[in-house]
């Protein structure tokens, strides 16, 4: 293969990153199963929180949401068959609602950590609790509304969007 073809192939890959959405849902089951067996595995939940922020800070926007997110993959894959497919209420898609949800989720996580005390096992329990609660909330929202409705209000996706938008403002100045 010529050098030009290799470069073109690499550039195409950068423009169109491969989506893991067909199978990343398996991480949801793996996370909960391993965390149930040993709570320390729940610390892997920090990857779910850090990944969208890392992509956004690196200038890739909300690519995590559309290409990698295990929860979004799960919701799209499994709730497709049982969703009532109602429209998400307009107030839930407002920036104010998303900001409140982001603040609420981080506050609830902080309170849970504070109440459980120091130590990595307590931190893992707090992470597991937050991941489980948000999983049930996202599944309930997906059953009532469209399967991936949670993706429109996801606190981590919203945070990544805020970072992305802030980056665009700086570039435009």
N, C-alpha and C. Protein backbone atom coordinates (compact mmCIF):
# COMPACT_ATOMS: atom_id res chain seq x y z
N UNK A 1 0.85 -1.18 0.00
CA UNK A 1 0.00 0.00 0.00
C UNK A 1 0.90 1.24 0.00
N UNK A 2 0.53 2.19 -0.82
CA UNK A 2 1.35 3.39 -0.93
C UNK A 2 1.18 4.27 0.31
N UNK A 3 2.12 5.16 0.49
CA UNK A 3 2.10 6.07 1.64
C UNK A 3 0.86 6.95 1.59
N UNK A 4 0.49 7.43 0.41
CA UNK A 4 -0.69 8.30 0.28
C UNK A 4 -1.95 7.57 0.71
N UNK A 5 -2.07 6.31 0.30
CA UNK A 5 -3.26 5.52 0.66
C UNK A 5 -3.31 5.29 2.18
N UNK A 6 -2.16 5.04 2.79
CA UNK A 6 -2.11 4.84 4.24
C UNK A 6 -2.53 6.11 4.96
N UNK A 7 -2.03 7.25 4.50
CA UNK A 7 -2.38 8.53 5.12
C UNK A 7 -3.86 8.80 4.97
N UNK A 8 -4.39 8.55 3.78
CA UNK A 8 -5.82 8.78 3.53
C UNK A 8 -6.67 7.88 4.43
N UNK A 9 -6.24 6.63 4.61
CA UNK A 9 -6.96 5.69 5.46
C UNK A 9 -6.97 6.17 6.91
N UNK A 10 -5.83 6.66 7.38
CA UNK A 10 -5.73 7.18 8.75
C UNK A 10 -6.60 8.42 8.92
N UNK A 11 -6.58 9.32 7.93
CA UNK A 11 -7.40 10.53 8.00
C UNK A 11 -8.88 10.19 8.01
N UNK A 12 -9.29 9.21 7.20
CA UNK A 12 -10.69 8.78 7.18
C UNK A 12 -11.09 8.22 8.53
N UNK A 13 -10.21 7.43 9.14
CA UNK A 13 -10.49 6.86 10.46
C UNK A 13 -10.66 7.95 11.50
N UNK A 14 -9.86 9.02 11.41
CA UNK A 14 -9.97 10.12 12.36
C UNK A 14 -11.29 10.86 12.19
N UNK A 15 -11.73 11.01 10.94
CA UNK A 15 -12.99 11.72 10.67
C UNK A 15 -14.19 10.88 11.08
N UNK A 16 -14.12 9.58 10.85
CA UNK A 16 -15.23 8.67 11.13
C UNK A 16 -14.78 7.59 12.11
N UNK A 17 -14.71 7.93 13.40
CA UNK A 17 -14.26 6.93 14.36
C UNK A 17 -15.23 5.75 14.43
N UNK A 18 -14.69 4.59 14.68
CA UNK A 18 -15.50 3.38 14.76
C UNK A 18 -16.41 3.44 15.99
N UNK A 19 -17.66 3.10 15.78
CA UNK A 19 -18.61 3.08 16.89
C UNK A 19 -18.61 1.73 17.58
N UNK A 20 -18.63 1.76 18.89
CA UNK A 20 -18.68 0.54 19.69
C UNK A 20 -20.10 0.27 20.18
N UNK A 21 -21.06 1.04 19.70
CA UNK A 21 -22.42 0.99 20.24
C UNK A 21 -23.11 -0.36 20.06
N UNK A 22 -22.71 -1.15 19.09
CA UNK A 22 -23.35 -2.46 18.87
C UNK A 22 -23.10 -3.43 20.01
N UNK A 23 -21.96 -3.26 20.70
CA UNK A 23 -21.62 -4.24 21.73
C UNK A 23 -21.21 -3.64 23.07
N UNK A 24 -21.10 -2.32 23.18
CA UNK A 24 -20.62 -1.75 24.46
C UNK A 24 -21.61 -1.94 25.60
N UNK A 25 -22.86 -2.31 25.28
CA UNK A 25 -23.85 -2.58 26.33
C UNK A 25 -23.37 -3.68 27.27
N UNK A 26 -22.50 -4.56 26.79
CA UNK A 26 -22.01 -5.65 27.62
C UNK A 26 -21.27 -5.13 28.85
N UNK A 27 -20.68 -3.94 28.75
CA UNK A 27 -19.99 -3.36 29.91
C UNK A 27 -20.95 -3.06 31.05
N UNK A 28 -22.20 -2.76 30.74
CA UNK A 28 -23.21 -2.51 31.78
C UNK A 28 -23.39 -3.78 32.62
N UNK A 29 -23.59 -4.90 31.94
CA UNK A 29 -23.76 -6.17 32.65
C UNK A 29 -22.49 -6.55 33.39
N UNK A 30 -21.36 -6.37 32.75
CA UNK A 30 -20.08 -6.70 33.37
C UNK A 30 -19.85 -5.86 34.62
N UNK A 31 -20.13 -4.55 34.53
CA UNK A 31 -19.95 -3.66 35.68
C UNK A 31 -20.78 -4.13 36.86
N UNK A 32 -22.08 -4.36 36.64
CA UNK A 32 -22.94 -4.74 37.76
C UNK A 32 -22.63 -6.14 38.28
N UNK A 33 -22.30 -7.07 37.40
CA UNK A 33 -21.98 -8.43 37.85
C UNK A 33 -20.69 -8.45 38.67
N UNK A 34 -19.65 -7.81 38.15
CA UNK A 34 -18.37 -7.81 38.88
C UNK A 34 -18.48 -7.03 40.19
N UNK A 35 -19.23 -5.92 40.16
CA UNK A 35 -19.40 -5.12 41.38
C UNK A 35 -20.20 -5.87 42.43
N UNK A 36 -21.13 -6.70 41.99
CA UNK A 36 -21.90 -7.52 42.93
C UNK A 36 -20.99 -8.56 43.57
N UNK A 37 -20.07 -9.13 42.80
CA UNK A 37 -19.16 -10.14 43.32
C UNK A 37 -18.09 -9.53 44.24
N UNK A 38 -17.60 -8.34 43.85
CA UNK A 38 -16.59 -7.66 44.65
C UNK A 38 -16.78 -6.16 44.44
N UNK A 39 -17.18 -5.48 45.49
CA UNK A 39 -17.56 -4.07 45.40
C UNK A 39 -16.44 -3.19 44.85
N UNK A 40 -15.21 -3.62 44.98
CA UNK A 40 -14.09 -2.80 44.48
C UNK A 40 -14.17 -2.57 42.97
N UNK A 41 -14.82 -3.49 42.23
CA UNK A 41 -14.98 -3.31 40.79
C UNK A 41 -15.86 -2.11 40.46
N UNK A 42 -16.66 -1.67 41.42
CA UNK A 42 -17.52 -0.50 41.19
C UNK A 42 -16.71 0.77 40.97
N UNK A 43 -15.47 0.76 41.38
CA UNK A 43 -14.61 1.93 41.13
C UNK A 43 -14.43 2.18 39.63
N UNK A 44 -14.67 1.15 38.83
CA UNK A 44 -14.61 1.31 37.37
C UNK A 44 -15.67 2.29 36.88
N UNK A 45 -16.66 2.58 37.71
CA UNK A 45 -17.67 3.57 37.36
C UNK A 45 -17.07 4.94 37.11
N UNK A 46 -15.91 5.19 37.69
CA UNK A 46 -15.25 6.47 37.45
C UNK A 46 -14.82 6.60 35.98
N UNK A 47 -14.60 5.47 35.33
CA UNK A 47 -14.28 5.51 33.90
C UNK A 47 -15.48 6.05 33.13
N UNK A 48 -16.67 5.60 33.52
CA UNK A 48 -17.90 6.08 32.86
C UNK A 48 -18.09 7.58 33.06
N UNK A 49 -17.63 8.09 34.18
CA UNK A 49 -17.74 9.52 34.44
C UNK A 49 -16.63 10.29 33.74
N UNK A 50 -15.44 9.72 33.70
CA UNK A 50 -14.29 10.43 33.15
C UNK A 50 -14.24 10.41 31.62
N UNK A 51 -14.73 9.35 31.01
CA UNK A 51 -14.60 9.22 29.56
C UNK A 51 -15.25 10.37 28.79
N UNK A 52 -16.52 10.72 29.05
CA UNK A 52 -17.10 11.82 28.27
C UNK A 52 -16.39 13.15 28.50
N UNK A 53 -15.93 13.36 29.74
CA UNK A 53 -15.22 14.60 30.06
C UNK A 53 -13.87 14.63 29.34
N UNK A 54 -13.17 13.50 29.33
CA UNK A 54 -11.87 13.41 28.67
C UNK A 54 -12.00 13.67 27.17
N UNK A 55 -12.99 13.05 26.54
CA UNK A 55 -13.22 13.28 25.11
C UNK A 55 -13.53 14.75 24.85
N UNK A 56 -14.37 15.34 25.69
CA UNK A 56 -14.74 16.75 25.49
C UNK A 56 -13.53 17.67 25.68
N UNK A 57 -12.73 17.40 26.70
CA UNK A 57 -11.54 18.22 26.93
C UNK A 57 -10.50 18.08 25.82
N UNK A 58 -10.50 16.93 25.15
CA UNK A 58 -9.56 16.72 24.05
C UNK A 58 -10.07 17.30 22.74
N UNK A 59 -11.23 17.96 22.79
CA UNK A 59 -11.76 18.60 21.59
C UNK A 59 -12.64 17.73 20.74
N UNK A 60 -13.05 16.57 21.25
CA UNK A 60 -13.86 15.64 20.46
C UNK A 60 -15.34 15.73 20.82
N UNK A 61 -15.72 16.74 21.61
CA UNK A 61 -17.12 16.99 21.92
C UNK A 61 -17.79 15.84 22.64
N UNK A 62 -18.99 15.50 22.18
CA UNK A 62 -19.79 14.46 22.82
C UNK A 62 -19.68 13.13 22.07
N UNK A 63 -18.51 12.84 21.51
CA UNK A 63 -18.33 11.61 20.74
C UNK A 63 -18.55 10.37 21.61
N UNK A 64 -18.28 10.48 22.89
CA UNK A 64 -18.51 9.35 23.80
C UNK A 64 -19.97 8.93 23.75
N UNK A 65 -20.86 9.91 23.75
CA UNK A 65 -22.30 9.64 23.76
C UNK A 65 -22.76 8.89 22.52
N UNK A 66 -22.22 9.25 21.37
CA UNK A 66 -22.69 8.66 20.12
C UNK A 66 -21.91 7.43 19.66
N UNK A 67 -20.72 7.20 20.23
CA UNK A 67 -19.90 6.11 19.73
C UNK A 67 -19.50 5.06 20.76
N UNK A 68 -19.50 5.41 22.05
CA UNK A 68 -18.92 4.49 23.02
C UNK A 68 -19.79 4.17 24.24
N UNK A 69 -20.71 5.02 24.61
CA UNK A 69 -21.42 4.92 25.89
C UNK A 69 -22.13 3.57 26.08
N UNK A 70 -21.72 2.80 27.09
CA UNK A 70 -22.37 1.52 27.36
C UNK A 70 -23.83 1.65 27.76
N UNK A 71 -24.16 2.67 28.54
CA UNK A 71 -25.55 2.84 28.96
C UNK A 71 -26.44 3.17 27.76
N UNK A 72 -25.98 4.08 26.91
CA UNK A 72 -26.74 4.43 25.71
C UNK A 72 -26.91 3.22 24.81
N UNK A 73 -25.87 2.42 24.70
CA UNK A 73 -25.92 1.19 23.91
C UNK A 73 -26.97 0.24 24.49
N UNK A 74 -26.95 0.06 25.81
CA UNK A 74 -27.92 -0.81 26.47
C UNK A 74 -29.35 -0.32 26.23
N UNK A 75 -29.56 0.98 26.45
CA UNK A 75 -30.90 1.53 26.29
C UNK A 75 -31.41 1.34 24.86
N UNK A 76 -30.57 1.62 23.90
CA UNK A 76 -30.96 1.47 22.50
C UNK A 76 -31.18 0.03 22.09
N UNK A 77 -30.39 -0.86 22.65
CA UNK A 77 -30.44 -2.27 22.26
C UNK A 77 -31.63 -3.01 22.88
N UNK A 78 -31.88 -2.79 24.17
CA UNK A 78 -32.85 -3.62 24.87
C UNK A 78 -34.21 -2.96 25.11
N UNK A 79 -34.24 -1.65 25.22
CA UNK A 79 -35.52 -0.99 25.47
C UNK A 79 -36.31 -0.75 24.20
N UNK A 80 -35.68 -0.96 23.08
CA UNK A 80 -36.33 -0.81 21.77
C UNK A 80 -37.63 -1.61 21.71
N UNK A 81 -37.66 -2.76 22.36
CA UNK A 81 -38.79 -3.68 22.25
C UNK A 81 -39.90 -3.42 23.26
N UNK A 82 -39.61 -2.68 24.33
CA UNK A 82 -40.63 -2.48 25.37
C UNK A 82 -40.98 -1.01 25.59
N UNK A 83 -40.35 -0.12 24.87
CA UNK A 83 -40.57 1.31 25.08
C UNK A 83 -41.96 1.73 24.60
N UNK A 84 -42.57 2.63 25.36
CA UNK A 84 -43.88 3.18 24.98
C UNK A 84 -43.73 4.26 23.90
N UNK A 85 -42.52 4.72 23.69
CA UNK A 85 -42.16 5.66 22.62
C UNK A 85 -42.89 7.00 22.70
N UNK A 86 -43.09 7.47 23.90
CA UNK A 86 -43.70 8.80 24.07
C UNK A 86 -42.61 9.86 23.92
N UNK A 87 -43.04 11.06 23.62
CA UNK A 87 -42.10 12.17 23.47
C UNK A 87 -41.67 12.67 24.85
N UNK A 88 -40.40 12.93 24.99
CA UNK A 88 -39.86 13.48 26.23
C UNK A 88 -40.47 14.87 26.45
N UNK A 89 -40.96 15.19 27.64
CA UNK A 89 -41.53 16.52 27.88
C UNK A 89 -40.51 17.62 27.58
N UNK A 90 -40.99 18.71 27.01
CA UNK A 90 -40.11 19.80 26.56
C UNK A 90 -39.26 20.36 27.69
N UNK A 91 -39.82 20.44 28.92
CA UNK A 91 -39.05 21.03 30.02
C UNK A 91 -37.80 20.20 30.35
N UNK A 92 -37.85 18.89 30.04
CA UNK A 92 -36.71 18.03 30.36
C UNK A 92 -35.52 18.24 29.42
N UNK A 93 -35.76 18.88 28.29
CA UNK A 93 -34.67 19.12 27.35
C UNK A 93 -34.08 20.53 27.48
N UNK A 94 -34.58 21.29 28.46
CA UNK A 94 -34.05 22.64 28.64
C UNK A 94 -32.71 22.59 29.36
N UNK A 95 -31.93 23.61 29.13
CA UNK A 95 -30.61 23.70 29.76
C UNK A 95 -30.76 23.81 31.28
N UNK A 96 -31.79 24.51 31.74
CA UNK A 96 -32.01 24.66 33.19
C UNK A 96 -32.25 23.30 33.85
N UNK A 97 -33.09 22.46 33.22
CA UNK A 97 -33.37 21.14 33.78
C UNK A 97 -32.10 20.29 33.80
N UNK A 98 -31.35 20.32 32.70
CA UNK A 98 -30.12 19.53 32.62
C UNK A 98 -29.09 20.00 33.64
N UNK A 99 -29.01 21.31 33.85
CA UNK A 99 -28.10 21.84 34.87
C UNK A 99 -28.52 21.38 36.25
N UNK A 100 -29.82 21.44 36.54
CA UNK A 100 -30.33 20.97 37.84
C UNK A 100 -30.05 19.49 38.04
N UNK A 101 -30.25 18.70 37.00
CA UNK A 101 -30.00 17.26 37.10
C UNK A 101 -28.52 16.99 37.34
N UNK A 102 -27.65 17.72 36.64
CA UNK A 102 -26.21 17.57 36.84
C UNK A 102 -25.82 17.92 38.28
N UNK A 103 -26.33 19.03 38.78
CA UNK A 103 -26.05 19.45 40.16
C UNK A 103 -26.61 18.43 41.15
N UNK A 104 -27.84 17.96 40.90
CA UNK A 104 -28.46 16.99 41.79
C UNK A 104 -27.65 15.69 41.84
N UNK A 105 -27.24 15.19 40.67
CA UNK A 105 -26.51 13.91 40.64
C UNK A 105 -25.17 14.02 41.37
N UNK A 106 -24.43 15.09 41.12
CA UNK A 106 -23.13 15.25 41.80
C UNK A 106 -23.33 15.51 43.29
N UNK A 107 -24.36 16.24 43.65
CA UNK A 107 -24.64 16.49 45.07
C UNK A 107 -25.02 15.20 45.77
N UNK A 108 -25.89 14.42 45.15
CA UNK A 108 -26.29 13.14 45.74
C UNK A 108 -25.09 12.21 45.89
N UNK A 109 -24.22 12.21 44.89
CA UNK A 109 -23.01 11.39 44.97
C UNK A 109 -22.11 11.87 46.11
N UNK A 110 -21.95 13.18 46.22
CA UNK A 110 -21.13 13.75 47.30
C UNK A 110 -21.69 13.44 48.68
N UNK A 111 -23.00 13.55 48.82
CA UNK A 111 -23.65 13.25 50.11
C UNK A 111 -23.47 11.77 50.44
N UNK A 112 -23.62 10.91 49.43
CA UNK A 112 -23.45 9.47 49.65
C UNK A 112 -22.03 9.16 50.10
N UNK A 113 -21.05 9.77 49.46
CA UNK A 113 -19.65 9.57 49.86
C UNK A 113 -19.44 10.06 51.29
N UNK A 114 -19.97 11.23 51.60
CA UNK A 114 -19.82 11.80 52.94
C UNK A 114 -20.44 10.88 54.00
N UNK A 115 -21.64 10.38 53.73
CA UNK A 115 -22.33 9.52 54.70
C UNK A 115 -21.64 8.17 54.88
N UNK A 116 -21.02 7.66 53.82
CA UNK A 116 -20.39 6.34 53.90
C UNK A 116 -19.01 6.41 54.53
N UNK A 117 -18.37 7.56 54.50
CA UNK A 117 -17.06 7.70 55.11
C UNK A 117 -15.94 7.44 54.13
N UNK A 118 -14.72 7.56 54.66
CA UNK A 118 -13.52 7.42 53.83
C UNK A 118 -13.24 5.95 53.52
N UNK A 119 -12.35 5.76 52.58
CA UNK A 119 -11.93 4.41 52.22
C UNK A 119 -12.38 4.04 50.83
N UNK A 120 -11.56 3.26 50.15
CA UNK A 120 -11.87 2.94 48.76
C UNK A 120 -13.10 2.04 48.63
N UNK A 121 -13.36 1.17 49.62
CA UNK A 121 -14.56 0.33 49.55
C UNK A 121 -15.82 1.17 49.71
N UNK A 122 -15.78 2.16 50.58
CA UNK A 122 -16.93 3.04 50.73
C UNK A 122 -17.13 3.90 49.49
N UNK A 123 -16.04 4.33 48.90
CA UNK A 123 -16.13 5.08 47.64
C UNK A 123 -16.73 4.19 46.55
N UNK A 124 -16.32 2.94 46.51
CA UNK A 124 -16.87 1.99 45.54
C UNK A 124 -18.36 1.76 45.78
N UNK A 125 -18.77 1.67 47.04
CA UNK A 125 -20.19 1.50 47.35
C UNK A 125 -20.99 2.72 46.91
N UNK A 126 -20.43 3.89 47.13
CA UNK A 126 -21.11 5.13 46.69
C UNK A 126 -21.24 5.16 45.17
N UNK A 127 -20.19 4.76 44.48
CA UNK A 127 -20.23 4.73 43.01
C UNK A 127 -21.26 3.71 42.54
N UNK A 128 -21.27 2.53 43.15
CA UNK A 128 -22.22 1.49 42.78
C UNK A 128 -23.65 1.99 42.99
N UNK A 129 -23.89 2.63 44.11
CA UNK A 129 -25.22 3.17 44.41
C UNK A 129 -25.65 4.18 43.36
N UNK A 130 -24.74 5.09 43.01
CA UNK A 130 -25.08 6.10 42.01
C UNK A 130 -25.32 5.46 40.64
N UNK A 131 -24.47 4.54 40.25
CA UNK A 131 -24.62 3.89 38.95
C UNK A 131 -25.92 3.09 38.90
N UNK A 132 -26.26 2.42 39.98
CA UNK A 132 -27.49 1.63 40.01
C UNK A 132 -28.72 2.52 39.94
N UNK A 133 -28.73 3.59 40.73
CA UNK A 133 -29.86 4.52 40.71
C UNK A 133 -30.03 5.16 39.34
N UNK A 134 -28.93 5.61 38.76
CA UNK A 134 -29.03 6.26 37.45
C UNK A 134 -29.38 5.25 36.36
N UNK A 135 -28.98 3.99 36.54
CA UNK A 135 -29.36 2.96 35.58
C UNK A 135 -30.86 2.72 35.61
N UNK A 136 -31.42 2.60 36.81
CA UNK A 136 -32.87 2.40 36.92
C UNK A 136 -33.63 3.61 36.41
N UNK A 137 -33.14 4.81 36.71
CA UNK A 137 -33.80 6.03 36.22
C UNK A 137 -33.76 6.07 34.69
N UNK A 138 -32.60 5.75 34.11
CA UNK A 138 -32.50 5.79 32.65
C UNK A 138 -33.37 4.73 32.00
N UNK A 139 -33.45 3.55 32.61
CA UNK A 139 -34.30 2.49 32.06
C UNK A 139 -35.78 2.87 32.16
N UNK A 140 -36.18 3.43 33.28
CA UNK A 140 -37.58 3.86 33.45
C UNK A 140 -37.94 4.94 32.42
N UNK A 141 -37.06 5.91 32.27
CA UNK A 141 -37.29 6.97 31.28
C UNK A 141 -37.34 6.38 29.87
N UNK A 142 -36.49 5.40 29.60
CA UNK A 142 -36.46 4.75 28.29
C UNK A 142 -37.69 3.91 28.01
N UNK A 143 -38.29 3.34 29.04
CA UNK A 143 -39.51 2.56 28.86
C UNK A 143 -40.70 3.49 28.62
N UNK A 144 -40.78 4.55 29.39
CA UNK A 144 -41.90 5.48 29.26
C UNK A 144 -41.79 6.31 27.98
N UNK A 145 -40.61 6.82 27.72
CA UNK A 145 -40.40 7.69 26.56
C UNK A 145 -39.64 6.89 25.50
N UNK A 146 -38.89 7.53 24.66
CA UNK A 146 -38.09 6.83 23.64
C UNK A 146 -36.95 6.07 24.34
N UNK A 147 -36.48 4.97 23.76
CA UNK A 147 -35.47 4.14 24.43
C UNK A 147 -34.24 4.90 24.93
N UNK A 148 -33.72 5.83 24.13
CA UNK A 148 -32.50 6.55 24.54
C UNK A 148 -32.81 7.97 25.00
N UNK A 149 -33.98 8.18 25.58
CA UNK A 149 -34.34 9.52 26.08
C UNK A 149 -33.36 10.00 27.14
N UNK A 150 -32.84 9.08 27.94
CA UNK A 150 -31.87 9.46 28.97
C UNK A 150 -30.67 10.18 28.35
N UNK A 151 -30.31 9.77 27.15
CA UNK A 151 -29.15 10.36 26.48
C UNK A 151 -29.35 11.86 26.23
N UNK A 152 -30.59 12.30 26.15
CA UNK A 152 -30.86 13.73 25.94
C UNK A 152 -30.67 14.53 27.22
N UNK A 153 -30.76 13.87 28.38
CA UNK A 153 -30.65 14.57 29.66
C UNK A 153 -29.50 14.07 30.53
N UNK A 154 -28.73 13.14 30.03
CA UNK A 154 -27.64 12.53 30.79
C UNK A 154 -26.71 13.61 31.38
N UNK A 155 -26.49 13.58 32.69
CA UNK A 155 -25.63 14.59 33.31
C UNK A 155 -24.20 14.61 32.75
N UNK A 156 -23.63 13.44 32.48
CA UNK A 156 -22.26 13.42 31.96
C UNK A 156 -22.21 13.89 30.51
N UNK A 157 -23.21 13.54 29.73
CA UNK A 157 -23.30 14.04 28.37
C UNK A 157 -23.50 15.54 28.35
N UNK A 158 -24.31 16.03 29.29
CA UNK A 158 -24.54 17.48 29.39
C UNK A 158 -23.25 18.19 29.79
N UNK A 159 -22.51 17.61 30.73
CA UNK A 159 -21.23 18.21 31.14
C UNK A 159 -20.25 18.24 29.97
N UNK A 160 -20.22 17.15 29.19
CA UNK A 160 -19.35 17.11 28.01
C UNK A 160 -19.78 18.18 27.00
N UNK A 161 -21.08 18.37 26.86
CA UNK A 161 -21.58 19.40 25.96
C UNK A 161 -21.21 20.80 26.43
N UNK A 162 -21.25 21.02 27.73
CA UNK A 162 -20.85 22.32 28.27
C UNK A 162 -19.37 22.59 27.99
N UNK A 163 -18.56 21.57 28.15
CA UNK A 163 -17.13 21.71 27.87
C UNK A 163 -16.92 21.98 26.39
N UNK A 164 -17.62 21.21 25.55
CA UNK A 164 -17.51 21.41 24.10
C UNK A 164 -17.91 22.83 23.72
N UNK A 165 -19.04 23.31 24.25
CA UNK A 165 -19.52 24.64 23.91
C UNK A 165 -18.57 25.72 24.42
N UNK A 166 -18.00 25.51 25.58
CA UNK A 166 -17.03 26.46 26.13
C UNK A 166 -15.80 26.54 25.23
N UNK A 167 -15.37 25.40 24.72
CA UNK A 167 -14.23 25.35 23.81
C UNK A 167 -14.51 26.10 22.53
N UNK A 168 -15.75 25.99 22.01
CA UNK A 168 -16.12 26.70 20.79
C UNK A 168 -16.14 28.21 21.00
N UNK A 169 -16.55 28.63 22.19
CA UNK A 169 -16.57 30.05 22.51
C UNK A 169 -15.15 30.60 22.51
N UNK A 170 -14.22 29.87 23.15
CA UNK A 170 -12.82 30.31 23.21
C UNK A 170 -12.20 30.39 21.83
N UNK A 171 -12.51 29.41 20.96
CA UNK A 171 -11.93 29.39 19.62
C UNK A 171 -12.45 30.54 18.78
N UNK A 172 -13.70 30.96 19.03
CA UNK A 172 -14.29 32.02 18.25
C UNK A 172 -13.82 33.40 18.66
N UNK A 173 -13.22 33.55 19.83
CA UNK A 173 -12.81 34.86 20.31
C UNK A 173 -11.53 35.33 19.72
